[in-house]
Each structure stands twice: as C-alpha cells, then as structure tokens.
Protein backbone atom coordinates (compact mmCIF):
# COMPACT_ATOMS: atom_id res chain seq x y z
CA MET A 1 -0.06 -0.11 0.02
CA LYS A 2 1.75 3.20 -1.26
CA LEU A 3 -0.25 6.23 0.03
CA TRP A 4 2.41 8.50 1.05
CA GLY A 5 3.48 10.54 -1.88
CA LEU A 6 -0.03 10.90 -3.39
CA PRO A 7 -1.14 14.49 -3.85
CA THR A 8 -2.95 15.68 -0.71
CA LEU A 9 -6.39 15.93 -2.23
CA ASP A 10 -6.22 12.40 -3.67
CA LEU A 11 -4.81 11.06 -0.58
CA ALA A 12 -7.69 12.66 1.45
CA LYS A 13 -10.00 10.50 -0.76
CA GLU A 14 -7.77 7.33 -0.57
CA LEU A 15 -7.79 7.31 3.28
CA LEU A 16 -11.59 7.00 3.25
CA GLY A 17 -12.52 3.29 4.22
CA MET A 18 -8.99 2.59 5.55
CA LYS A 19 -8.60 1.03 8.86
CA LEU A 20 -6.83 3.39 11.49
CA ILE A 21 -5.40 1.31 14.37
CA HIS A 22 -4.02 2.65 17.81
CA ILE A 23 -2.33 0.25 20.16
CA HIS A 24 -1.84 1.78 23.58
CA GLU A 25 -0.92 -0.09 26.69
CA ASP A 26 -1.66 -3.25 24.93
CA VAL A 27 -5.39 -2.11 24.10
CA ILE A 28 -6.35 -1.86 20.50
CA THR A 29 -8.87 0.54 19.34
CA SER A 30 -9.58 0.95 15.63
CA GLY A 31 -12.06 2.22 13.00
CA TYR A 32 -12.66 2.85 9.52
CA ILE A 33 -11.90 6.34 8.42
CA VAL A 34 -15.27 7.96 7.15
CA GLU A 35 -14.39 11.67 6.88
CA THR A 36 -11.25 13.53 6.12
CA GLU A 37 -10.37 17.19 5.51
CA ALA A 38 -7.32 18.40 3.49
CA TYR A 39 -5.16 21.43 4.08
CA LEU A 40 -2.83 22.55 1.28
CA GLY A 41 -0.09 24.51 3.06
CA PRO A 42 1.28 27.94 2.26
CA GLU A 43 -1.44 28.81 -0.27
CA ASP A 44 -4.46 27.70 1.83
CA ARG A 45 -5.57 30.29 4.29
CA ALA A 46 -7.16 27.55 6.47
CA ALA A 47 -3.90 25.63 6.96
CA HIS A 48 -1.73 26.12 9.97
CA SER A 49 1.13 26.73 7.48
CA TYR A 50 -0.38 29.27 5.72
CA ASN A 51 2.12 31.83 4.16
CA ASN A 52 4.94 29.30 5.24
CA ARG A 53 4.21 29.91 8.83
CA ARG A 54 6.82 27.88 10.98
CA THR A 55 6.13 27.60 14.62
CA ALA A 56 6.92 24.87 17.30
CA ARG A 57 3.59 23.46 16.72
CA THR A 58 3.71 23.55 12.66
CA GLU A 59 7.26 22.43 12.36
CA VAL A 60 6.09 18.69 12.06
CA MET A 61 4.11 19.70 8.90
CA TYR A 62 7.31 20.49 7.02
CA GLY A 63 8.53 16.82 7.50
CA GLU A 64 7.82 13.63 5.56
CA ALA A 65 4.38 12.52 4.47
CA GLY A 66 3.07 10.01 6.74
CA THR A 67 4.15 11.80 9.87
CA ILE A 68 1.50 12.39 12.60
CA TYR A 69 0.55 15.91 13.42
CA THR A 70 -1.51 16.47 16.60
CA TYR A 71 -2.51 19.52 18.23
CA PHE A 72 -4.96 21.21 20.68
CA ILE A 73 -8.09 23.00 19.51
CA TYR A 74 -10.14 25.22 22.02
CA GLY A 75 -7.51 24.31 24.69
CA MET A 76 -9.10 20.80 25.23
CA HIS A 77 -9.49 18.81 22.13
CA VAL A 78 -6.66 16.90 20.31
CA CYS A 79 -7.01 16.65 16.50
CA PHE A 80 -5.37 13.86 14.63
CA ASN A 81 -3.85 14.65 11.22
CA ILE A 82 -1.38 13.00 8.77
CA VAL A 83 1.17 15.20 7.00
CA SER A 84 0.75 14.57 3.28
CA GLY A 85 2.98 16.89 1.46
CA PRO A 86 6.60 16.43 0.41
CA VAL A 87 9.45 17.50 2.70
CA ASN A 88 9.19 21.40 3.19
CA LYS A 89 5.54 21.42 1.56
CA PRO A 90 3.53 21.62 4.86
CA GLU A 91 0.31 19.93 3.97
CA ALA A 92 -1.86 17.66 6.09
CA ILE A 93 -5.12 15.84 6.28
CA LEU A 94 -7.26 16.14 9.25
CA ILE A 95 -8.95 12.62 10.21
CA ARG A 96 -12.56 14.05 11.09
CA ALA A 97 -14.54 10.76 11.88
CA LEU A 98 -14.28 7.25 12.25
CA GLN A 99 -16.58 4.15 12.21
CA PRO A 100 -15.44 2.13 15.27
CA ILE A 101 -14.44 -1.43 14.77
CA GLU A 102 -12.39 -2.66 17.66
CA GLY A 103 -12.13 -1.53 21.39
CA ILE A 104 -15.57 0.00 21.36
CA GLU A 105 -16.01 -0.66 25.21
CA ILE A 106 -12.61 1.12 25.78
CA MET A 107 -13.80 3.98 23.44
CA LYS A 108 -16.88 4.23 25.60
CA GLU A 109 -15.03 4.35 28.90
CA ARG A 110 -12.80 7.18 27.37
CA ARG A 111 -15.85 9.12 26.40
CA ALA A 112 -18.12 8.24 29.30
CA SER A 113 -20.78 10.80 28.69
CA VAL A 114 -21.61 9.46 25.26
CA LYS A 115 -25.16 8.11 24.96
CA ASN A 116 -24.93 6.32 21.63
CA ASP A 117 -22.30 4.69 19.62
CA VAL A 118 -22.55 6.97 16.64
CA GLN A 119 -21.34 9.95 18.67
CA LEU A 120 -18.04 8.11 19.92
CA THR A 121 -16.23 9.03 16.91
CA ASN A 122 -18.15 11.36 14.72
CA GLY A 123 -15.91 14.43 14.98
CA PRO A 124 -12.03 15.06 15.21
CA GLY A 125 -11.90 15.72 19.03
CA LYS A 126 -14.41 12.84 19.74
CA LEU A 127 -12.38 10.22 17.78
CA SER A 128 -8.93 11.46 19.22
CA LYS A 129 -10.32 10.83 22.59
CA ALA A 130 -12.09 7.61 21.86
CA MET A 131 -8.94 6.38 20.12
CA GLY A 132 -6.60 7.50 22.91
CA PHE A 133 -4.52 10.06 20.69
CA THR A 134 -2.58 12.65 22.54
CA LEU A 135 -0.10 15.46 21.81
CA ASN A 136 2.59 12.82 22.56
CA ASP A 137 1.74 11.28 19.16
CA ASN A 138 2.86 14.39 17.46
CA GLY A 139 5.90 13.63 15.10
CA LYS A 140 5.64 9.84 15.12
CA LYS A 141 5.50 7.93 11.78
CA MET A 142 2.38 6.06 10.64
CA ASN A 143 3.05 2.32 10.70
CA GLU A 144 6.42 2.38 12.54
CA GLU A 145 5.25 2.61 16.10
CA ASN A 146 1.78 2.16 17.95
CA ILE A 147 -0.43 3.88 15.17
CA ARG A 148 -1.06 1.95 11.86
CA ILE A 149 -3.29 2.38 8.84
CA GLU A 150 -4.30 -0.73 6.85
CA GLU A 151 -6.56 -1.76 4.00
CA GLY A 152 -10.17 -1.48 5.11
CA ILE A 153 -13.37 -1.37 3.09
CA GLU A 154 -13.25 -0.87 -0.51
CA LEU A 155 -15.25 2.10 -1.94
CA VAL A 156 -16.41 3.18 -5.45
CA PRO A 157 -16.01 6.70 -6.52
CA ASN A 158 -19.70 7.58 -6.19
CA GLU A 159 -19.71 6.63 -2.49
CA ILE A 160 -17.18 9.66 -1.89
CA ILE A 161 -18.70 13.01 -1.38
CA SER A 162 -16.92 16.54 -1.14
CA GLY A 163 -17.84 19.68 0.10
CA PRO A 164 -16.53 22.83 2.10
CA ARG A 165 -14.61 22.46 5.17
CA ILE A 166 -16.06 22.98 8.72
CA GLY A 167 -15.22 25.30 11.42
CA ILE A 168 -12.68 27.68 9.49
CA HIS A 169 -14.87 30.80 9.32
CA TYR A 170 -11.62 32.99 9.70
CA ALA A 171 -10.14 31.43 6.49
CA GLU A 172 -11.85 33.84 4.00
CA GLU A 173 -12.14 32.30 0.58
CA ALA A 174 -10.71 28.90 1.97
CA VAL A 175 -13.99 28.44 3.77
CA HIS A 176 -15.63 27.39 0.46
CA TYR A 177 -12.94 25.03 -0.80
CA PRO A 178 -14.38 21.54 -1.28
CA TYR A 179 -11.61 19.90 0.63
CA ARG A 180 -13.63 17.72 3.10
CA PHE A 181 -14.29 14.15 2.01
CA TRP A 182 -16.74 11.71 3.41
CA ILE A 183 -18.46 8.23 2.74
CA LYS A 184 -21.93 8.97 1.48
CA ASN A 185 -24.81 8.02 4.02
CA ASN A 186 -22.18 6.87 6.71
CA PRO A 187 -23.86 7.60 10.11
CA TYR A 188 -20.41 8.26 11.63
CA VAL A 189 -19.84 11.35 9.54
CA SER A 190 -19.44 14.48 11.61
CA ARG A 191 -22.32 16.61 10.31
C-alpha cells in the first residue's frame, strides 16, 4: 500500500475506508476512516502553515508525508492529522470521523458521557479521545510505532462526497474550498 506520495487531495479521498489502528498499553482501538479534511499548506488560508508559517506547533508539517501531526483546539480537544505533502511543503489531512471497529468498550470508557455509539467518533476531537490519541503522538510516523493504517473497506467513486470544510470561518475564501471528503450515507460522519 503506497499512500504517502499521493497529492494531498487524492490522499484525503484514498484514506476513506482505511482502517486506523491505535495500540496503547496493550489495548487496541480501531475504526474505518469515514471523513477527512485536506489542508494545502502555504497557499491555503485555512492551513496552520499558511504563508509558510513555521512555529513549534507547525514544524512537524514540514517533514515527511506519513508523519502524525496532533494539536489542541479550543484548549481541550486533540486533533489527529497525517502530514501529506513532500518535505518542506507543509500539507496535512485531518481525520474528522471514524466508524469504530475494535475496542468499542474502551472507547466508551474514554468518552463516558456519550449516550450512543454514533457519537463516539463522529468528529475530530471525539475520535481522538475515543482512540486515545494525545499530543505525545505528534511527530510519530504512521506504521512505524503504535499507530497504523491498513486496508479497510473498498469504496467506489460515487460513494465519496466532497464539500466545504467545517469550522474555519476565519479563512476567507478558503472556507468554500471543497476539501472535506466523506463516505456517502455513513452515520459516523461528523455533520
């Protein structure tokens, strides 16, 4: 499976249906990726690396494709991203939603206030908490340590929908870019 090296928008679609696995303290949680959101680096006002911004937080985005990029939003939620551009082209894909497969009871413990399974992982902060992703995962490489991606469910092109990204009202024209991708009719898609 050769994912890293695909252009970011292609990779964002290719990741749909893939199985994302986290092994933490001998506990396995996993889910099929059902929603992604692409950020195209220096030219994309919504990207953390817009205008080649380099900070301690964004530095990982300038590394190799397949590197994990985690960060806090609203001071309390971790977002899980995969760096997708070539070295020094800071692009990334936010994993927005998962359909849980393994470790569902663990996910429920981690998200104790959730009343139904659909709400376990139907948003970026939710899936990070359910899967046990933290800021300590920042900079790790996919498939080299405890976070893996594997073949999952096969999709046909008409099962993939695209539309504008969510929650980036500050990004001017970039608000309207159709860089969010999801599996049609999947109940775990964020909204």
